[in-house]
Amino acid sequence: PPVEAGRFFVYGSHDADKVPEGRISLLIEAAMAFGTGHHGTTLGCLLALEDYIAEGKVAQNCADIGCGTAVLAMAAAAVWGNTVIASDIAPVAVEVAEANLKANGMEGQVACVEATGFDHALLKKTAPFDLIFANILKPPLLALAPDMAANTAPGGTVILSGLLVEQGDEVLAAYEGQGFKLSQRRDIGEWTALKLTLC
């Protein structure tokens, strides 16, 4: 079924007739990559983005690290019209992301690259970022904490998920150790999403 998260309406092609007016609609065919919005982690990130927007913030420079289907990158690009960089370690995810961009008529609004973390020339050239999504898993999130701080602009925001509720405190502590401060935590079922600000 379609997923609704604030202004965002995420749907598969079988529900194309259900798209409501006045919403940002994103057609996602997951195929071999994660990120349809049904999972509590993706939903948590979309709702955190909705809260970020409600705070009056505008991300001039945004990255989606471990993008999967690129649903988060597309959501951000649709809101602000700025080019978002979406990276994933898996070549198939980059292919799926590019297919989803085409399906939504958003080619050129999201730059998809294959990369481990921030290890790509485009990411290095574009950093630091105002807003970074990383909806992956606990081990890579812990490993990325120093690089996340190095690539976030002062006062910038990171939205992290892919975490079970019981894993949230450990990841939060690692990021606090890098100068981040928790601005919001949202638990959805067994999953949690963290919104952090670099102080």
N, C-alpha and C. Protein backbone atom coordinates (compact mmCIF):
# COMPACT_ATOMS: atom_id res chain seq x y z
N PRO A 1 0.83 -1.21 0.00
CA PRO A 1 0.00 0.00 0.00
C PRO A 1 0.86 1.26 0.00
N PRO A 2 0.31 2.38 -0.43
CA PRO A 2 1.06 3.63 -0.40
C PRO A 2 1.47 4.01 1.02
N VAL A 3 2.53 4.76 1.13
CA VAL A 3 3.01 5.24 2.43
C VAL A 3 2.87 6.75 2.47
N GLU A 4 2.27 7.25 3.54
CA GLU A 4 2.09 8.68 3.69
C GLU A 4 2.93 9.17 4.86
N ALA A 5 3.76 10.18 4.61
CA ALA A 5 4.62 10.77 5.64
C ALA A 5 4.60 12.28 5.47
N GLY A 6 3.72 12.94 6.19
CA GLY A 6 3.60 14.38 6.02
C GLY A 6 3.18 14.71 4.61
N ARG A 7 3.96 15.56 3.93
CA ARG A 7 3.62 15.97 2.56
C ARG A 7 3.97 14.90 1.53
N PHE A 8 4.67 13.84 1.95
CA PHE A 8 5.17 12.85 1.02
C PHE A 8 4.20 11.67 0.87
N PHE A 9 4.03 11.24 -0.38
CA PHE A 9 3.18 10.11 -0.70
C PHE A 9 4.01 9.16 -1.56
N VAL A 10 4.40 8.03 -1.00
CA VAL A 10 5.28 7.08 -1.68
C VAL A 10 4.44 5.89 -2.13
N TYR A 11 4.53 5.55 -3.41
CA TYR A 11 3.63 4.53 -3.94
C TYR A 11 4.31 3.70 -5.03
N GLY A 12 3.76 2.52 -5.28
CA GLY A 12 4.18 1.68 -6.38
C GLY A 12 3.28 1.95 -7.58
N SER A 13 3.71 1.50 -8.76
CA SER A 13 2.97 1.80 -9.98
C SER A 13 1.54 1.24 -9.94
N HIS A 14 1.32 0.18 -9.15
CA HIS A 14 -0.01 -0.42 -9.04
C HIS A 14 -0.99 0.50 -8.31
N ASP A 15 -0.47 1.55 -7.64
CA ASP A 15 -1.33 2.49 -6.93
C ASP A 15 -1.29 3.89 -7.55
N ALA A 16 -0.94 3.96 -8.82
CA ALA A 16 -0.81 5.27 -9.48
C ALA A 16 -2.13 6.04 -9.48
N ASP A 17 -3.25 5.33 -9.41
CA ASP A 17 -4.56 6.00 -9.43
C ASP A 17 -4.95 6.56 -8.07
N LYS A 18 -4.12 6.33 -7.04
CA LYS A 18 -4.46 6.78 -5.69
C LYS A 18 -3.70 8.02 -5.25
N VAL A 19 -2.90 8.59 -6.14
CA VAL A 19 -2.06 9.74 -5.77
C VAL A 19 -2.95 10.95 -5.50
N PRO A 20 -2.89 11.51 -4.27
CA PRO A 20 -3.73 12.67 -3.96
C PRO A 20 -3.12 13.97 -4.49
N GLU A 21 -3.96 14.95 -4.70
CA GLU A 21 -3.49 16.25 -5.16
C GLU A 21 -2.80 16.99 -4.01
N GLY A 22 -1.87 17.85 -4.37
CA GLY A 22 -1.24 18.70 -3.38
C GLY A 22 -0.18 18.03 -2.53
N ARG A 23 0.24 16.85 -2.91
CA ARG A 23 1.27 16.13 -2.16
C ARG A 23 2.49 15.93 -3.04
N ILE A 24 3.65 15.71 -2.42
CA ILE A 24 4.84 15.33 -3.17
C ILE A 24 4.78 13.81 -3.32
N SER A 25 4.50 13.36 -4.54
CA SER A 25 4.35 11.92 -4.77
C SER A 25 5.63 11.36 -5.37
N LEU A 26 6.05 10.21 -4.85
CA LEU A 26 7.27 9.55 -5.30
C LEU A 26 6.95 8.12 -5.68
N LEU A 27 7.15 7.80 -6.95
CA LEU A 27 6.94 6.44 -7.44
C LEU A 27 8.21 5.64 -7.18
N ILE A 28 8.08 4.57 -6.39
CA ILE A 28 9.23 3.75 -6.04
C ILE A 28 8.94 2.30 -6.37
N GLU A 29 9.78 1.73 -7.19
CA GLU A 29 9.76 0.29 -7.44
C GLU A 29 11.03 -0.26 -6.83
N ALA A 30 10.91 -0.96 -5.71
CA ALA A 30 12.08 -1.32 -4.91
C ALA A 30 13.05 -2.25 -5.64
N ALA A 31 12.52 -3.21 -6.37
CA ALA A 31 13.38 -4.18 -7.07
C ALA A 31 14.39 -4.79 -6.11
N MET A 32 15.69 -4.58 -6.38
CA MET A 32 16.73 -5.21 -5.57
C MET A 32 17.31 -4.28 -4.50
N ALA A 33 16.70 -3.12 -4.28
CA ALA A 33 17.24 -2.18 -3.31
C ALA A 33 16.18 -1.82 -2.28
N PHE A 34 16.63 -1.46 -1.09
CA PHE A 34 15.72 -1.13 0.00
C PHE A 34 15.24 0.31 -0.12
N GLY A 35 14.03 0.55 0.41
CA GLY A 35 13.57 1.92 0.54
C GLY A 35 12.25 2.23 -0.12
N THR A 36 11.20 1.48 0.21
CA THR A 36 9.87 1.76 -0.34
C THR A 36 9.08 2.69 0.55
N GLY A 37 9.58 2.97 1.76
CA GLY A 37 8.83 3.79 2.70
C GLY A 37 8.01 2.96 3.67
N HIS A 38 7.81 1.67 3.40
CA HIS A 38 7.02 0.83 4.30
C HIS A 38 7.78 0.49 5.57
N HIS A 39 9.07 0.46 5.49
CA HIS A 39 9.89 0.11 6.64
C HIS A 39 9.91 1.29 7.60
N GLY A 40 9.90 1.00 8.90
CA GLY A 40 9.91 2.07 9.90
C GLY A 40 11.10 2.99 9.79
N THR A 41 12.20 2.50 9.22
CA THR A 41 13.39 3.34 9.11
C THR A 41 13.21 4.42 8.03
N THR A 42 12.73 4.03 6.86
CA THR A 42 12.51 5.00 5.79
C THR A 42 11.41 5.98 6.19
N LEU A 43 10.35 5.47 6.78
CA LEU A 43 9.27 6.33 7.23
C LEU A 43 9.77 7.32 8.27
N GLY A 44 10.59 6.84 9.20
CA GLY A 44 11.15 7.72 10.23
C GLY A 44 11.99 8.83 9.62
N CYS A 45 12.76 8.51 8.59
CA CYS A 45 13.59 9.52 7.92
C CYS A 45 12.73 10.54 7.19
N LEU A 46 11.68 10.08 6.52
CA LEU A 46 10.80 11.01 5.82
C LEU A 46 10.10 11.95 6.81
N LEU A 47 9.67 11.42 7.94
CA LEU A 47 9.03 12.26 8.95
C LEU A 47 10.03 13.23 9.58
N ALA A 48 11.29 12.79 9.73
CA ALA A 48 12.33 13.70 10.23
C ALA A 48 12.59 14.82 9.23
N LEU A 49 12.55 14.49 7.94
CA LEU A 49 12.68 15.51 6.90
C LEU A 49 11.51 16.48 6.98
N GLU A 50 10.34 15.96 7.17
CA GLU A 50 9.15 16.81 7.32
C GLU A 50 9.33 17.78 8.49
N ASP A 51 9.86 17.30 9.60
CA ASP A 51 10.09 18.15 10.77
C ASP A 51 11.17 19.20 10.46
N TYR A 52 12.21 18.81 9.75
CA TYR A 52 13.28 19.73 9.35
C TYR A 52 12.71 20.89 8.53
N ILE A 53 11.82 20.54 7.60
CA ILE A 53 11.18 21.56 6.76
C ILE A 53 10.30 22.46 7.62
N ALA A 54 9.56 21.86 8.55
CA ALA A 54 8.66 22.62 9.43
C ALA A 54 9.42 23.61 10.30
N GLU A 55 10.70 23.31 10.57
CA GLU A 55 11.54 24.22 11.35
C GLU A 55 11.99 25.42 10.52
N GLY A 56 11.62 25.44 9.24
CA GLY A 56 11.98 26.55 8.37
C GLY A 56 13.36 26.43 7.76
N LYS A 57 13.95 25.25 7.85
CA LYS A 57 15.29 25.04 7.32
C LYS A 57 15.24 24.70 5.83
N VAL A 58 16.26 25.13 5.13
CA VAL A 58 16.41 24.83 3.70
C VAL A 58 17.81 24.24 3.50
N ALA A 59 17.87 23.05 2.97
CA ALA A 59 19.17 22.41 2.72
C ALA A 59 19.65 22.78 1.32
N GLN A 60 20.66 23.62 1.26
CA GLN A 60 21.24 23.99 -0.03
C GLN A 60 22.11 22.87 -0.59
N ASN A 61 22.61 22.03 0.31
CA ASN A 61 23.60 21.01 -0.04
C ASN A 61 23.24 19.74 0.72
N CYS A 62 22.79 18.72 0.03
CA CYS A 62 22.24 17.53 0.69
C CYS A 62 22.82 16.26 0.08
N ALA A 63 23.05 15.26 0.94
CA ALA A 63 23.55 13.96 0.49
C ALA A 63 22.75 12.84 1.14
N ASP A 64 22.58 11.76 0.40
CA ASP A 64 21.91 10.55 0.89
C ASP A 64 22.93 9.43 0.79
N ILE A 65 23.53 9.07 1.93
CA ILE A 65 24.60 8.07 1.97
C ILE A 65 24.00 6.69 2.24
N GLY A 66 24.22 5.75 1.32
CA GLY A 66 23.55 4.45 1.42
C GLY A 66 22.12 4.60 0.95
N CYS A 67 21.93 5.11 -0.26
CA CYS A 67 20.64 5.62 -0.71
C CYS A 67 19.60 4.56 -1.02
N GLY A 68 20.01 3.32 -1.31
CA GLY A 68 19.01 2.31 -1.69
C GLY A 68 18.26 2.76 -2.94
N THR A 69 16.94 2.92 -2.82
CA THR A 69 16.11 3.34 -3.95
C THR A 69 16.21 4.83 -4.25
N ALA A 70 16.88 5.59 -3.38
CA ALA A 70 17.01 7.05 -3.47
C ALA A 70 15.73 7.78 -3.10
N VAL A 71 14.84 7.13 -2.36
CA VAL A 71 13.59 7.79 -1.99
C VAL A 71 13.84 9.03 -1.15
N LEU A 72 14.82 9.00 -0.25
CA LEU A 72 15.09 10.16 0.59
C LEU A 72 15.72 11.29 -0.21
N ALA A 73 16.64 10.94 -1.10
CA ALA A 73 17.27 11.94 -1.96
C ALA A 73 16.23 12.61 -2.85
N MET A 74 15.31 11.82 -3.39
CA MET A 74 14.28 12.38 -4.26
C MET A 74 13.33 13.27 -3.47
N ALA A 75 13.02 12.88 -2.24
CA ALA A 75 12.14 13.70 -1.41
C ALA A 75 12.76 15.07 -1.17
N ALA A 76 14.04 15.09 -0.82
CA ALA A 76 14.73 16.36 -0.58
C ALA A 76 14.82 17.19 -1.85
N ALA A 77 15.14 16.55 -2.96
CA ALA A 77 15.25 17.27 -4.24
C ALA A 77 13.90 17.84 -4.66
N ALA A 78 12.83 17.12 -4.39
CA ALA A 78 11.50 17.58 -4.76
C ALA A 78 11.08 18.79 -3.94
N VAL A 79 11.52 18.87 -2.69
CA VAL A 79 11.14 19.99 -1.83
C VAL A 79 11.87 21.27 -2.23
N TRP A 80 13.19 21.17 -2.42
CA TRP A 80 13.99 22.39 -2.60
C TRP A 80 14.47 22.64 -4.02
N GLY A 81 14.42 21.64 -4.86
CA GLY A 81 14.86 21.84 -6.24
C GLY A 81 16.37 21.87 -6.41
N ASN A 82 17.10 21.62 -5.32
CA ASN A 82 18.56 21.56 -5.41
C ASN A 82 18.99 20.15 -5.80
N THR A 83 20.13 20.03 -6.44
CA THR A 83 20.65 18.71 -6.77
C THR A 83 21.15 18.03 -5.51
N VAL A 84 20.71 16.80 -5.29
CA VAL A 84 21.10 16.00 -4.14
C VAL A 84 22.04 14.91 -4.63
N ILE A 85 23.05 14.59 -3.84
CA ILE A 85 23.94 13.48 -4.19
C ILE A 85 23.47 12.24 -3.44
N ALA A 86 23.25 11.16 -4.17
CA ALA A 86 22.84 9.89 -3.58
C ALA A 86 23.93 8.86 -3.87
N SER A 87 24.44 8.24 -2.82
CA SER A 87 25.50 7.25 -3.01
C SER A 87 25.11 5.92 -2.38
N ASP A 88 25.64 4.86 -2.93
CA ASP A 88 25.44 3.54 -2.34
C ASP A 88 26.64 2.67 -2.67
N ILE A 89 26.93 1.76 -1.78
CA ILE A 89 28.06 0.85 -1.96
C ILE A 89 27.74 -0.22 -2.99
N ALA A 90 26.43 -0.48 -3.22
CA ALA A 90 26.00 -1.56 -4.11
C ALA A 90 25.66 -1.02 -5.50
N PRO A 91 26.30 -1.54 -6.55
CA PRO A 91 25.99 -1.08 -7.90
C PRO A 91 24.51 -1.23 -8.27
N VAL A 92 23.87 -2.31 -7.79
CA VAL A 92 22.46 -2.52 -8.13
C VAL A 92 21.59 -1.43 -7.52
N ALA A 93 21.96 -0.92 -6.34
CA ALA A 93 21.19 0.17 -5.73
C ALA A 93 21.30 1.43 -6.57
N VAL A 94 22.47 1.70 -7.09
CA VAL A 94 22.64 2.89 -7.94
C VAL A 94 21.78 2.74 -9.20
N GLU A 95 21.72 1.53 -9.76
CA GLU A 95 20.90 1.29 -10.94
C GLU A 95 19.42 1.50 -10.63
N VAL A 96 18.99 0.97 -9.48
CA VAL A 96 17.59 1.13 -9.07
C VAL A 96 17.28 2.60 -8.81
N ALA A 97 18.20 3.30 -8.16
CA ALA A 97 18.01 4.72 -7.89
C ALA A 97 17.83 5.49 -9.19
N GLU A 98 18.67 5.21 -10.17
CA GLU A 98 18.58 5.92 -11.45
C GLU A 98 17.27 5.58 -12.17
N ALA A 99 16.82 4.34 -12.04
CA ALA A 99 15.54 3.96 -12.66
C ALA A 99 14.39 4.70 -11.99
N ASN A 100 14.45 4.86 -10.67
CA ASN A 100 13.40 5.58 -9.96
C ASN A 100 13.40 7.06 -10.31
N LEU A 101 14.58 7.64 -10.50
CA LEU A 101 14.65 9.03 -10.93
C LEU A 101 13.97 9.21 -12.28
N LYS A 102 14.24 8.29 -13.19
CA LYS A 102 13.63 8.36 -14.52
C LYS A 102 12.11 8.21 -14.42
N ALA A 103 11.66 7.27 -13.59
CA ALA A 103 10.23 7.02 -13.44
C ALA A 103 9.49 8.24 -12.87
N ASN A 104 10.21 9.06 -12.09
CA ASN A 104 9.61 10.25 -11.49
C ASN A 104 9.92 11.54 -12.26
N GLY A 105 10.59 11.40 -13.42
CA GLY A 105 10.94 12.57 -14.20
C GLY A 105 11.90 13.49 -13.47
N MET A 106 12.79 12.88 -12.68
CA MET A 106 13.71 13.67 -11.85
C MET A 106 15.17 13.49 -12.24
N GLU A 107 15.42 13.05 -13.48
CA GLU A 107 16.81 12.93 -13.92
C GLU A 107 17.49 14.29 -13.82
N GLY A 108 18.70 14.30 -13.32
CA GLY A 108 19.43 15.55 -13.18
C GLY A 108 19.22 16.23 -11.84
N GLN A 109 18.19 15.85 -11.10
CA GLN A 109 17.95 16.44 -9.78
C GLN A 109 18.67 15.70 -8.67
N VAL A 110 19.03 14.44 -8.95
CA VAL A 110 19.79 13.63 -8.00
C VAL A 110 20.96 13.02 -8.76
N ALA A 111 22.16 13.21 -8.24
CA ALA A 111 23.35 12.60 -8.83
C ALA A 111 23.65 11.31 -8.10
N CYS A 112 23.57 10.18 -8.78
CA CYS A 112 23.78 8.87 -8.16
C CYS A 112 25.22 8.41 -8.40
N VAL A 113 25.89 8.04 -7.32
CA VAL A 113 27.26 7.57 -7.44
C VAL A 113 27.46 6.31 -6.61
N GLU A 114 28.37 5.47 -7.06
CA GLU A 114 28.74 4.28 -6.30
C GLU A 114 29.92 4.65 -5.40
N ALA A 115 29.73 4.48 -4.10
CA ALA A 115 30.78 4.91 -3.17
C ALA A 115 30.62 4.19 -1.83
N THR A 116 31.74 4.04 -1.14
CA THR A 116 31.73 3.58 0.24
C THR A 116 31.81 4.82 1.11
N GLY A 117 30.75 5.08 1.87
CA GLY A 117 30.72 6.27 2.70
C GLY A 117 30.85 7.52 1.84
N PHE A 118 31.81 8.37 2.19
CA PHE A 118 32.02 9.64 1.48
C PHE A 118 33.18 9.55 0.48
N ASP A 119 33.62 8.33 0.16
CA ASP A 119 34.79 8.14 -0.67
C ASP A 119 34.45 8.23 -2.16
N HIS A 120 34.16 9.44 -2.61
CA HIS A 120 33.90 9.69 -4.02
C HIS A 120 34.24 11.14 -4.31
N ALA A 121 34.80 11.39 -5.48
CA ALA A 121 35.25 12.74 -5.83
C ALA A 121 34.13 13.77 -5.76
N LEU A 122 32.91 13.40 -6.21
CA LEU A 122 31.80 14.34 -6.19
C LEU A 122 31.39 14.70 -4.77
N LEU A 123 31.37 13.71 -3.88
CA LEU A 123 31.04 13.98 -2.49
C LEU A 123 32.10 14.87 -1.84
N LYS A 124 33.36 14.56 -2.13
CA LYS A 124 34.45 15.34 -1.54
C LYS A 124 34.43 16.78 -2.04
N LYS A 125 34.10 16.97 -3.30
CA LYS A 125 34.08 18.31 -3.89
C LYS A 125 32.90 19.13 -3.35
N THR A 126 31.80 18.44 -3.04
CA THR A 126 30.56 19.14 -2.67
C THR A 126 30.45 19.40 -1.17
N ALA A 127 31.13 18.59 -0.36
CA ALA A 127 31.07 18.75 1.11
C ALA A 127 31.63 20.12 1.51
N PRO A 128 31.22 20.64 2.67
CA PRO A 128 30.35 20.01 3.68
C PRO A 128 28.87 20.20 3.34
N PHE A 129 28.05 19.31 3.90
CA PHE A 129 26.62 19.28 3.59
C PHE A 129 25.79 19.87 4.72
N ASP A 130 24.70 20.54 4.33
CA ASP A 130 23.73 21.06 5.31
C ASP A 130 22.89 19.94 5.91
N LEU A 131 22.61 18.93 5.07
CA LEU A 131 21.73 17.83 5.47
C LEU A 131 22.25 16.53 4.88
N ILE A 132 22.39 15.53 5.73
CA ILE A 132 22.84 14.21 5.29
C ILE A 132 21.87 13.15 5.82
N PHE A 133 21.40 12.30 4.92
CA PHE A 133 20.65 11.11 5.31
C PHE A 133 21.61 9.93 5.32
N ALA A 134 21.47 9.05 6.30
CA ALA A 134 22.19 7.77 6.28
C ALA A 134 21.27 6.74 6.91
N ASN A 135 20.49 6.09 6.07
CA ASN A 135 19.55 5.07 6.51
C ASN A 135 20.17 3.72 6.16
N ILE A 136 21.09 3.27 7.00
CA ILE A 136 21.85 2.06 6.68
C ILE A 136 21.74 1.06 7.83
N LEU A 137 22.79 0.77 8.52
CA LEU A 137 22.78 -0.18 9.64
C LEU A 137 23.73 0.31 10.73
N LYS A 138 23.62 -0.25 11.92
CA LYS A 138 24.44 0.22 13.04
C LYS A 138 25.94 0.15 12.77
N PRO A 139 26.52 -0.96 12.33
CA PRO A 139 27.98 -1.00 12.16
C PRO A 139 28.53 0.08 11.23
N PRO A 140 27.96 0.26 10.01
CA PRO A 140 28.49 1.33 9.17
C PRO A 140 28.21 2.72 9.73
N LEU A 141 27.11 2.91 10.43
CA LEU A 141 26.85 4.21 11.03
C LEU A 141 27.90 4.54 12.09
N LEU A 142 28.27 3.54 12.88
CA LEU A 142 29.31 3.76 13.89
C LEU A 142 30.65 4.07 13.21
N ALA A 143 30.97 3.32 12.18
CA ALA A 143 32.24 3.52 11.48
C ALA A 143 32.29 4.88 10.78
N LEU A 144 31.13 5.37 10.34
CA LEU A 144 31.08 6.62 9.59
C LEU A 144 31.04 7.86 10.48
N ALA A 145 30.91 7.71 11.78
CA ALA A 145 30.72 8.87 12.65
C ALA A 145 31.76 9.97 12.44
N PRO A 146 33.07 9.66 12.43
CA PRO A 146 34.06 10.73 12.20
C PRO A 146 33.92 11.38 10.83
N ASP A 147 33.72 10.57 9.78
CA ASP A 147 33.55 11.12 8.44
C ASP A 147 32.26 11.94 8.34
N MET A 148 31.23 11.51 9.06
CA MET A 148 29.97 12.25 9.04
C MET A 148 30.19 13.65 9.61
N ALA A 149 30.93 13.73 10.70
CA ALA A 149 31.22 15.04 11.29
C ALA A 149 32.08 15.89 10.35
N ALA A 150 33.04 15.26 9.71
CA ALA A 150 33.94 15.98 8.82
C ALA A 150 33.23 16.52 7.58
N ASN A 151 32.13 15.88 7.19
CA ASN A 151 31.42 16.26 5.98
C ASN A 151 30.12 17.01 6.22
N THR A 152 29.84 17.33 7.48
CA THR A 152 28.64 18.10 7.83
C THR A 152 29.05 19.54 8.12
N ALA A 153 28.31 20.47 7.56
CA ALA A 153 28.59 21.88 7.81
C ALA A 153 28.26 22.22 9.27
N PRO A 154 28.94 23.19 9.86
CA PRO A 154 28.60 23.61 11.22
C PRO A 154 27.12 24.00 11.29
N GLY A 155 26.42 23.46 12.27
CA GLY A 155 24.99 23.69 12.39
C GLY A 155 24.16 22.81 11.47
N GLY A 156 24.83 21.94 10.71
CA GLY A 156 24.14 21.05 9.79
C GLY A 156 23.45 19.90 10.50
N THR A 157 22.63 19.20 9.76
CA THR A 157 21.79 18.13 10.32
C THR A 157 22.11 16.80 9.65
N VAL A 158 22.13 15.73 10.45
CA VAL A 158 22.18 14.38 9.90
C VAL A 158 20.95 13.63 10.41
N ILE A 159 20.36 12.85 9.52
CA ILE A 159 19.21 12.00 9.86
C ILE A 159 19.66 10.57 9.67
N LEU A 160 19.69 9.83 10.77
CA LEU A 160 20.24 8.48 10.78
C LEU A 160 19.14 7.46 11.09
N SER A 161 19.17 6.34 10.37
CA SER A 161 18.27 5.25 10.73
C SER A 161 18.86 3.94 10.21
N GLY A 162 18.00 2.92 10.13
CA GLY A 162 18.48 1.57 9.90
C GLY A 162 18.78 0.92 11.24
N LEU A 163 18.23 1.50 12.30
CA LEU A 163 18.58 1.10 13.67
C LEU A 163 17.39 0.53 14.42
N LEU A 164 17.65 -0.55 15.13
CA LEU A 164 16.67 -1.03 16.09
C LEU A 164 16.66 -0.07 17.27
N VAL A 165 15.53 0.01 17.95
CA VAL A 165 15.39 0.93 19.08
C VAL A 165 16.52 0.74 20.09
N GLU A 166 16.86 -0.52 20.36
CA GLU A 166 17.89 -0.77 21.38
C GLU A 166 19.30 -0.41 20.90
N GLN A 167 19.46 -0.12 19.61
CA GLN A 167 20.76 0.29 19.09
C GLN A 167 20.94 1.80 19.06
N GLY A 168 19.86 2.51 19.28
CA GLY A 168 19.88 3.96 19.14
C GLY A 168 20.85 4.65 20.09
N ASP A 169 20.89 4.23 21.33
CA ASP A 169 21.73 4.90 22.32
C ASP A 169 23.22 4.78 21.98
N GLU A 170 23.64 3.62 21.50
CA GLU A 170 25.04 3.42 21.15
C GLU A 170 25.45 4.31 19.99
N VAL A 171 24.61 4.40 18.99
CA VAL A 171 24.91 5.25 17.84
C VAL A 171 24.88 6.72 18.25
N LEU A 172 23.91 7.08 19.06
CA LEU A 172 23.83 8.46 19.54
C LEU A 172 25.09 8.84 20.30
N ALA A 173 25.56 7.96 21.16
CA ALA A 173 26.78 8.26 21.93
C ALA A 173 27.98 8.46 21.02
N ALA A 174 28.08 7.64 19.98
CA ALA A 174 29.20 7.77 19.04
C ALA A 174 29.17 9.12 18.33
N TYR A 175 27.98 9.58 17.98
CA TYR A 175 27.86 10.84 17.26
C TYR A 175 28.00 12.04 18.20
N GLU A 176 27.53 11.89 19.42
CA GLU A 176 27.77 12.95 20.40
C GLU A 176 29.27 13.13 20.63
N GLY A 177 30.00 12.03 20.58
CA GLY A 177 31.45 12.10 20.71
C GLY A 177 32.13 12.84 19.57
N GLN A 178 31.41 13.02 18.46
CA GLN A 178 31.94 13.74 17.30
C GLN A 178 31.38 15.17 17.22
N GLY A 179 30.67 15.60 18.26
CA GLY A 179 30.18 16.97 18.30
C GLY A 179 28.74 17.16 17.88
N PHE A 180 28.01 16.07 17.65
CA PHE A 180 26.60 16.17 17.30
C PHE A 180 25.74 16.23 18.57
N LYS A 181 24.59 16.88 18.44
CA LYS A 181 23.62 16.96 19.53
C LYS A 181 22.29 16.45 19.02
N LEU A 182 21.62 15.62 19.82
CA LEU A 182 20.32 15.07 19.43
C LEU A 182 19.28 16.18 19.40
N SER A 183 18.60 16.32 18.27
CA SER A 183 17.49 17.27 18.20
C SER A 183 16.14 16.56 18.17
N GLN A 184 16.16 15.27 17.78
CA GLN A 184 14.90 14.53 17.76
C GLN A 184 15.18 13.03 17.63
N ARG A 185 14.38 12.27 18.31
CA ARG A 185 14.42 10.81 18.15
C ARG A 185 12.99 10.33 17.96
N ARG A 186 12.78 9.50 16.94
CA ARG A 186 11.45 8.97 16.67
C ARG A 186 11.53 7.46 16.57
N ASP A 187 10.79 6.77 17.44
CA ASP A 187 10.71 5.31 17.39
C ASP A 187 9.42 4.91 16.69
N ILE A 188 9.56 4.05 15.69
CA ILE A 188 8.40 3.52 14.96
C ILE A 188 8.50 2.01 15.02
N GLY A 189 7.63 1.40 15.80
CA GLY A 189 7.71 -0.05 16.01
C GLY A 189 9.05 -0.38 16.66
N GLU A 190 9.80 -1.28 16.04
CA GLU A 190 11.09 -1.70 16.61
C GLU A 190 12.26 -0.88 16.09
N TRP A 191 11.96 0.14 15.27
CA TRP A 191 13.01 0.92 14.62
C TRP A 191 13.06 2.34 15.14
N THR A 192 14.23 2.95 15.05
CA THR A 192 14.39 4.34 15.49
C THR A 192 15.08 5.17 14.44
N ALA A 193 14.77 6.46 14.43
CA ALA A 193 15.42 7.42 13.55
C ALA A 193 15.93 8.57 14.42
N LEU A 194 17.16 8.98 14.20
CA LEU A 194 17.79 10.05 14.97
C LEU A 194 18.02 11.26 14.07
N LYS A 195 17.65 12.43 14.58
CA LYS A 195 17.97 13.69 13.89
C LYS A 195 18.94 14.44 14.77
N LEU A 196 20.13 14.70 14.24
CA LEU A 196 21.22 15.27 15.02
C LEU A 196 21.72 16.55 14.36
N THR A 197 22.20 17.48 15.18
CA THR A 197 22.75 18.73 14.70
C THR A 197 24.22 18.82 15.09
N LEU A 198 25.07 19.23 14.16
CA LEU A 198 26.49 19.40 14.48
C LEU A 198 26.68 20.76 15.14
N CYS A 199 27.15 20.73 16.38
CA CYS A 199 27.31 21.97 17.16
C CYS A 199 28.60 22.68 16.78
